[in-house]
């Protein structure tokens, strides 16, 4: 019975964290994409939405696959230990993807600013 409860808690917390982080990235990343795409809001919004869907697919896919790995808890203490390990891995992956997104956004923005500067100096 401990295993079932640990699965329920793991899935609920992992999916809630994934959705919260994804929505935060979606909402706050828009301004970077609008700037990167030179004010083309429709394009920025479209790319932003595609990034959100990909983020959800990767993270919820990982959460689903990782659920079966690890010890089967036999008591309440082991439930907490198993959950802390699994949720900790989810948080590390979410953080890694977050920093990867920041890196990609900053590279895109840097490239867009350079292009804007080069086009401005040619005129």
N, C-alpha and C. Protein backbone atom coordinates (compact mmCIF):
# COMPACT_ATOMS: atom_id res chain seq x y z
N UNK A 1 0.82 -1.20 0.00
CA UNK A 1 0.00 0.00 0.00
C UNK A 1 0.87 1.27 0.00
N UNK A 2 2.05 1.20 0.63
CA UNK A 2 2.95 2.36 0.66
C UNK A 2 3.40 2.73 -0.76
N UNK A 3 3.60 1.71 -1.59
CA UNK A 3 4.03 1.96 -2.96
C UNK A 3 3.00 2.77 -3.73
N UNK A 4 1.75 2.39 -3.61
CA UNK A 4 0.67 3.10 -4.32
C UNK A 4 0.62 4.56 -3.87
N UNK A 5 0.68 4.79 -2.57
CA UNK A 5 0.63 6.17 -2.07
C UNK A 5 1.85 6.98 -2.51
N UNK A 6 3.01 6.33 -2.53
CA UNK A 6 4.20 7.05 -2.98
C UNK A 6 4.07 7.41 -4.47
N UNK A 7 3.47 6.53 -5.28
CA UNK A 7 3.24 6.84 -6.69
C UNK A 7 2.29 8.02 -6.85
N UNK A 8 1.20 8.00 -6.09
CA UNK A 8 0.20 9.07 -6.18
C UNK A 8 0.83 10.42 -5.80
N UNK A 9 1.55 10.44 -4.70
CA UNK A 9 2.18 11.69 -4.25
C UNK A 9 3.24 12.13 -5.26
N UNK A 10 4.06 11.20 -5.72
CA UNK A 10 5.11 11.51 -6.69
C UNK A 10 4.53 12.11 -7.96
N UNK A 11 3.50 11.47 -8.51
CA UNK A 11 2.91 11.99 -9.74
C UNK A 11 2.27 13.35 -9.53
N UNK A 12 1.53 13.51 -8.45
CA UNK A 12 0.85 14.79 -8.20
C UNK A 12 1.85 15.93 -8.04
N UNK A 13 2.87 15.72 -7.22
CA UNK A 13 3.85 16.78 -6.97
C UNK A 13 4.69 17.05 -8.22
N UNK A 14 5.14 16.00 -8.89
CA UNK A 14 5.97 16.16 -10.08
C UNK A 14 5.24 16.88 -11.20
N UNK A 15 4.01 16.49 -11.45
CA UNK A 15 3.24 17.14 -12.52
C UNK A 15 2.91 18.57 -12.14
N UNK A 16 2.58 18.83 -10.89
CA UNK A 16 2.30 20.20 -10.45
C UNK A 16 3.55 21.08 -10.60
N UNK A 17 4.71 20.58 -10.20
CA UNK A 17 5.96 21.33 -10.35
C UNK A 17 6.27 21.58 -11.82
N UNK A 18 6.10 20.57 -12.65
CA UNK A 18 6.36 20.71 -14.08
C UNK A 18 5.46 21.76 -14.69
N UNK A 19 4.20 21.75 -14.33
CA UNK A 19 3.27 22.73 -14.89
C UNK A 19 3.59 24.14 -14.39
N UNK A 20 3.94 24.27 -13.13
CA UNK A 20 4.26 25.59 -12.58
C UNK A 20 5.51 26.16 -13.24
N UNK A 21 6.58 25.35 -13.34
CA UNK A 21 7.81 25.83 -13.96
C UNK A 21 7.57 26.13 -15.44
N UNK A 22 6.86 25.25 -16.14
CA UNK A 22 6.56 25.48 -17.55
C UNK A 22 5.78 26.76 -17.77
N UNK A 23 4.76 26.99 -16.97
CA UNK A 23 3.96 28.20 -17.11
C UNK A 23 4.78 29.44 -16.78
N UNK A 24 5.64 29.36 -15.79
CA UNK A 24 6.51 30.49 -15.44
C UNK A 24 7.45 30.81 -16.59
N UNK A 25 8.06 29.78 -17.18
CA UNK A 25 8.94 30.00 -18.33
C UNK A 25 8.16 30.57 -19.51
N UNK A 26 6.98 30.06 -19.73
CA UNK A 26 6.12 30.52 -20.83
C UNK A 26 5.78 31.99 -20.68
N UNK A 27 5.35 32.35 -19.50
CA UNK A 27 4.91 33.73 -19.24
C UNK A 27 6.09 34.71 -19.28
N UNK A 28 7.20 34.35 -18.66
CA UNK A 28 8.32 35.27 -18.57
C UNK A 28 9.28 35.20 -19.74
N UNK A 29 9.24 34.12 -20.51
CA UNK A 29 10.12 34.00 -21.67
C UNK A 29 9.60 34.73 -22.89
N UNK A 30 8.34 35.10 -22.88
CA UNK A 30 7.73 35.76 -24.04
C UNK A 30 8.47 37.03 -24.43
N UNK A 31 8.83 37.85 -23.47
CA UNK A 31 9.47 39.12 -23.77
C UNK A 31 10.81 38.92 -24.49
N UNK A 32 11.55 37.86 -24.11
CA UNK A 32 12.81 37.57 -24.79
C UNK A 32 12.56 37.14 -26.24
N UNK A 33 11.52 36.34 -26.44
CA UNK A 33 11.23 35.87 -27.79
C UNK A 33 10.72 37.02 -28.67
N UNK A 34 9.90 37.89 -28.12
CA UNK A 34 9.42 39.04 -28.90
C UNK A 34 10.61 39.89 -29.34
N UNK A 35 11.53 40.11 -28.44
CA UNK A 35 12.73 40.89 -28.76
C UNK A 35 13.58 40.15 -29.79
N UNK A 36 13.75 38.86 -29.62
CA UNK A 36 14.55 38.06 -30.53
C UNK A 36 13.97 38.06 -31.94
N UNK A 37 12.65 38.02 -32.03
CA UNK A 37 11.98 38.00 -33.34
C UNK A 37 11.58 39.40 -33.80
N UNK A 38 12.30 40.41 -33.33
CA UNK A 38 12.15 41.80 -33.78
C UNK A 38 10.72 42.31 -33.68
N UNK A 39 10.06 41.98 -32.58
CA UNK A 39 8.72 42.50 -32.35
C UNK A 39 7.60 41.72 -33.01
N UNK A 40 7.92 40.64 -33.69
CA UNK A 40 6.88 39.81 -34.32
C UNK A 40 6.21 38.95 -33.24
N UNK A 41 5.17 39.52 -32.64
CA UNK A 41 4.54 38.88 -31.48
C UNK A 41 3.90 37.55 -31.82
N UNK A 42 3.28 37.45 -32.99
CA UNK A 42 2.63 36.18 -33.35
C UNK A 42 3.65 35.06 -33.47
N UNK A 43 4.78 35.34 -34.08
CA UNK A 43 5.83 34.33 -34.21
C UNK A 43 6.41 33.98 -32.83
N UNK A 44 6.67 34.99 -32.03
CA UNK A 44 7.19 34.75 -30.68
C UNK A 44 6.22 33.92 -29.85
N UNK A 45 4.93 34.24 -29.93
CA UNK A 45 3.94 33.49 -29.17
C UNK A 45 3.84 32.04 -29.65
N UNK A 46 3.94 31.85 -30.96
CA UNK A 46 3.89 30.51 -31.51
C UNK A 46 5.08 29.67 -31.04
N UNK A 47 6.28 30.23 -31.13
CA UNK A 47 7.48 29.52 -30.68
C UNK A 47 7.40 29.26 -29.18
N UNK A 48 6.93 30.23 -28.44
CA UNK A 48 6.80 30.09 -26.99
C UNK A 48 5.86 28.94 -26.64
N UNK A 49 4.76 28.84 -27.36
CA UNK A 49 3.80 27.76 -27.10
C UNK A 49 4.41 26.40 -27.45
N UNK A 50 5.13 26.33 -28.56
CA UNK A 50 5.79 25.08 -28.94
C UNK A 50 6.84 24.66 -27.91
N UNK A 51 7.58 25.63 -27.39
CA UNK A 51 8.55 25.34 -26.33
C UNK A 51 7.86 24.79 -25.08
N UNK A 52 6.71 25.36 -24.74
CA UNK A 52 5.96 24.89 -23.57
C UNK A 52 5.50 23.45 -23.75
N UNK A 53 4.97 23.14 -24.92
CA UNK A 53 4.51 21.77 -25.18
C UNK A 53 5.69 20.79 -25.09
N UNK A 54 6.82 21.15 -25.70
CA UNK A 54 8.00 20.29 -25.64
C UNK A 54 8.49 20.10 -24.21
N UNK A 55 8.47 21.18 -23.43
CA UNK A 55 8.87 21.13 -22.02
C UNK A 55 8.00 20.15 -21.25
N UNK A 56 6.68 20.25 -21.46
CA UNK A 56 5.76 19.33 -20.79
C UNK A 56 6.00 17.89 -21.21
N UNK A 57 6.18 17.66 -22.50
CA UNK A 57 6.38 16.29 -22.98
C UNK A 57 7.64 15.67 -22.40
N UNK A 58 8.73 16.41 -22.41
CA UNK A 58 9.99 15.88 -21.88
C UNK A 58 9.87 15.59 -20.38
N UNK A 59 9.36 16.54 -19.61
CA UNK A 59 9.33 16.37 -18.17
C UNK A 59 8.31 15.35 -17.70
N UNK A 60 7.12 15.39 -18.25
CA UNK A 60 6.11 14.41 -17.82
C UNK A 60 6.49 13.03 -18.31
N UNK A 61 7.15 12.95 -19.47
CA UNK A 61 7.68 11.66 -19.93
C UNK A 61 8.71 11.11 -18.97
N UNK A 62 9.63 11.97 -18.52
CA UNK A 62 10.64 11.52 -17.56
C UNK A 62 9.98 11.06 -16.25
N UNK A 63 9.05 11.84 -15.76
CA UNK A 63 8.36 11.51 -14.51
C UNK A 63 7.68 10.14 -14.64
N UNK A 64 7.05 9.90 -15.77
CA UNK A 64 6.36 8.62 -15.98
C UNK A 64 7.33 7.45 -16.02
N UNK A 65 8.43 7.60 -16.73
CA UNK A 65 9.41 6.53 -16.84
C UNK A 65 10.10 6.28 -15.50
N UNK A 66 10.46 7.36 -14.80
CA UNK A 66 11.21 7.24 -13.54
C UNK A 66 10.36 6.67 -12.41
N UNK A 67 9.05 6.68 -12.56
CA UNK A 67 8.18 6.20 -11.49
C UNK A 67 8.48 4.74 -11.13
N UNK A 68 8.80 3.93 -12.09
CA UNK A 68 8.99 2.50 -11.84
C UNK A 68 10.35 2.15 -11.24
N UNK A 69 11.29 3.09 -11.29
CA UNK A 69 12.64 2.80 -10.80
C UNK A 69 12.79 3.12 -9.31
N UNK A 70 13.67 2.41 -8.67
CA UNK A 70 13.95 2.65 -7.26
C UNK A 70 13.31 1.60 -6.37
N UNK A 71 13.53 1.80 -5.09
CA UNK A 71 13.01 0.86 -4.09
C UNK A 71 11.50 0.95 -3.96
N UNK A 72 10.92 -0.12 -3.50
CA UNK A 72 9.50 -0.13 -3.14
C UNK A 72 9.44 0.13 -1.64
N UNK A 73 8.81 1.23 -1.23
CA UNK A 73 8.79 1.55 0.20
C UNK A 73 7.97 0.54 1.00
N UNK A 74 8.54 0.17 2.15
CA UNK A 74 7.88 -0.80 3.03
C UNK A 74 7.30 -0.14 4.27
N UNK A 75 7.70 1.11 4.53
CA UNK A 75 7.16 1.83 5.67
C UNK A 75 7.13 3.33 5.34
N UNK A 76 6.62 4.12 6.26
CA UNK A 76 6.46 5.56 6.02
C UNK A 76 7.80 6.24 5.81
N UNK A 77 8.81 5.85 6.57
CA UNK A 77 10.13 6.45 6.42
C UNK A 77 10.65 6.24 5.00
N UNK A 78 10.51 5.04 4.49
CA UNK A 78 10.97 4.77 3.14
C UNK A 78 10.15 5.52 2.08
N UNK A 79 8.88 5.77 2.35
CA UNK A 79 8.08 6.58 1.43
C UNK A 79 8.73 7.94 1.27
N UNK A 80 9.09 8.57 2.38
CA UNK A 80 9.73 9.89 2.33
C UNK A 80 11.09 9.84 1.63
N UNK A 81 11.85 8.79 1.90
CA UNK A 81 13.17 8.66 1.29
C UNK A 81 13.07 8.47 -0.22
N UNK A 82 12.16 7.61 -0.65
CA UNK A 82 11.97 7.37 -2.09
C UNK A 82 11.45 8.63 -2.76
N UNK A 83 10.47 9.28 -2.13
CA UNK A 83 9.92 10.51 -2.71
C UNK A 83 10.96 11.62 -2.80
N UNK A 84 11.79 11.76 -1.77
CA UNK A 84 12.79 12.83 -1.80
C UNK A 84 13.79 12.59 -2.92
N UNK A 85 14.19 11.36 -3.15
CA UNK A 85 15.11 11.05 -4.23
C UNK A 85 14.47 11.33 -5.59
N UNK A 86 13.28 10.81 -5.79
CA UNK A 86 12.62 10.98 -7.09
C UNK A 86 12.24 12.44 -7.36
N UNK A 87 11.72 13.13 -6.37
CA UNK A 87 11.36 14.53 -6.56
C UNK A 87 12.61 15.39 -6.72
N UNK A 88 13.67 15.05 -6.02
CA UNK A 88 14.93 15.76 -6.19
C UNK A 88 15.45 15.64 -7.61
N UNK A 89 15.36 14.46 -8.19
CA UNK A 89 15.78 14.27 -9.58
C UNK A 89 14.91 15.08 -10.53
N UNK A 90 13.62 15.09 -10.28
CA UNK A 90 12.71 15.90 -11.11
C UNK A 90 13.10 17.37 -11.03
N UNK A 91 13.38 17.86 -9.83
CA UNK A 91 13.76 19.27 -9.68
C UNK A 91 15.09 19.58 -10.37
N UNK A 92 16.04 18.67 -10.30
CA UNK A 92 17.32 18.87 -10.98
C UNK A 92 17.11 18.93 -12.49
N UNK A 93 16.28 18.05 -13.01
CA UNK A 93 16.00 18.05 -14.45
C UNK A 93 15.26 19.33 -14.85
N UNK A 94 14.27 19.73 -14.06
CA UNK A 94 13.55 20.98 -14.36
C UNK A 94 14.52 22.16 -14.36
N UNK A 95 15.41 22.20 -13.38
CA UNK A 95 16.40 23.28 -13.33
C UNK A 95 17.34 23.23 -14.51
N UNK A 96 17.77 22.05 -14.90
CA UNK A 96 18.65 21.91 -16.05
C UNK A 96 17.99 22.38 -17.34
N UNK A 97 16.75 22.01 -17.53
CA UNK A 97 16.03 22.45 -18.73
C UNK A 97 15.80 23.95 -18.68
N UNK A 98 15.54 24.48 -17.50
CA UNK A 98 15.37 25.93 -17.35
C UNK A 98 16.63 26.66 -17.79
N UNK A 99 17.79 26.22 -17.30
CA UNK A 99 19.04 26.89 -17.68
C UNK A 99 19.37 26.67 -19.14
N UNK A 100 19.01 25.51 -19.69
CA UNK A 100 19.20 25.29 -21.11
C UNK A 100 18.34 26.28 -21.92
N UNK A 101 17.10 26.48 -21.50
CA UNK A 101 16.23 27.46 -22.17
C UNK A 101 16.81 28.86 -22.07
N UNK A 102 17.31 29.23 -20.89
CA UNK A 102 17.91 30.55 -20.73
C UNK A 102 19.11 30.72 -21.66
N UNK A 103 19.92 29.70 -21.78
CA UNK A 103 21.09 29.75 -22.66
C UNK A 103 20.64 29.93 -24.11
N UNK A 104 19.68 29.14 -24.54
CA UNK A 104 19.19 29.25 -25.92
C UNK A 104 18.58 30.63 -26.16
N UNK A 105 17.75 31.11 -25.23
CA UNK A 105 17.16 32.44 -25.38
C UNK A 105 18.23 33.52 -25.46
N UNK A 106 19.24 33.44 -24.61
CA UNK A 106 20.28 34.47 -24.61
C UNK A 106 21.08 34.43 -25.91
N UNK A 107 21.36 33.24 -26.42
CA UNK A 107 22.07 33.12 -27.71
C UNK A 107 21.22 33.69 -28.85
N UNK A 108 19.93 33.37 -28.83
CA UNK A 108 19.04 33.90 -29.87
C UNK A 108 18.96 35.41 -29.79
N UNK A 109 18.85 35.93 -28.58
CA UNK A 109 18.75 37.38 -28.41
C UNK A 109 20.05 38.06 -28.82
N UNK A 110 21.17 37.49 -28.45
CA UNK A 110 22.47 38.05 -28.81
C UNK A 110 22.62 38.09 -30.33
N UNK A 111 22.21 37.02 -30.98
CA UNK A 111 22.28 36.96 -32.44
C UNK A 111 21.35 38.00 -33.07
N UNK A 112 20.17 38.16 -32.52
CA UNK A 112 19.22 39.14 -33.04
C UNK A 112 19.73 40.56 -32.85
N UNK A 113 20.35 40.85 -31.70
CA UNK A 113 20.90 42.18 -31.46
C UNK A 113 22.06 42.47 -32.39
N UNK A 114 22.90 41.47 -32.64
CA UNK A 114 24.02 41.64 -33.56
C UNK A 114 23.51 41.91 -34.98
N UNK A 115 22.51 41.14 -35.38
CA UNK A 115 21.91 41.33 -36.71
C UNK A 115 21.29 42.72 -36.83
N UNK A 116 20.61 43.15 -35.78
CA UNK A 116 19.98 44.47 -35.77
C UNK A 116 21.05 45.56 -35.86
N UNK A 117 22.14 45.38 -35.14
CA UNK A 117 23.24 46.34 -35.15
C UNK A 117 23.89 46.42 -36.54
N UNK A 118 24.12 45.24 -37.14
CA UNK A 118 24.74 45.19 -38.47
C UNK A 118 23.83 45.82 -39.52
N UNK A 119 22.55 45.52 -39.44
CA UNK A 119 21.60 46.10 -40.40
C UNK A 119 21.47 47.60 -40.20
N UNK A 120 21.55 48.06 -38.96
CA UNK A 120 21.45 49.49 -38.66
C UNK A 120 22.66 50.26 -39.13
N UNK A 121 23.84 49.64 -39.10
CA UNK A 121 25.06 50.35 -39.51
C UNK A 121 25.19 50.39 -41.03
N UNK A 122 24.46 49.54 -41.75
CA UNK A 122 24.53 49.53 -43.22
C UNK A 122 23.64 50.60 -43.85
N UNK A 123 22.72 51.10 -43.06
CA UNK A 123 21.77 52.06 -43.62
C UNK A 123 22.30 53.44 -43.70
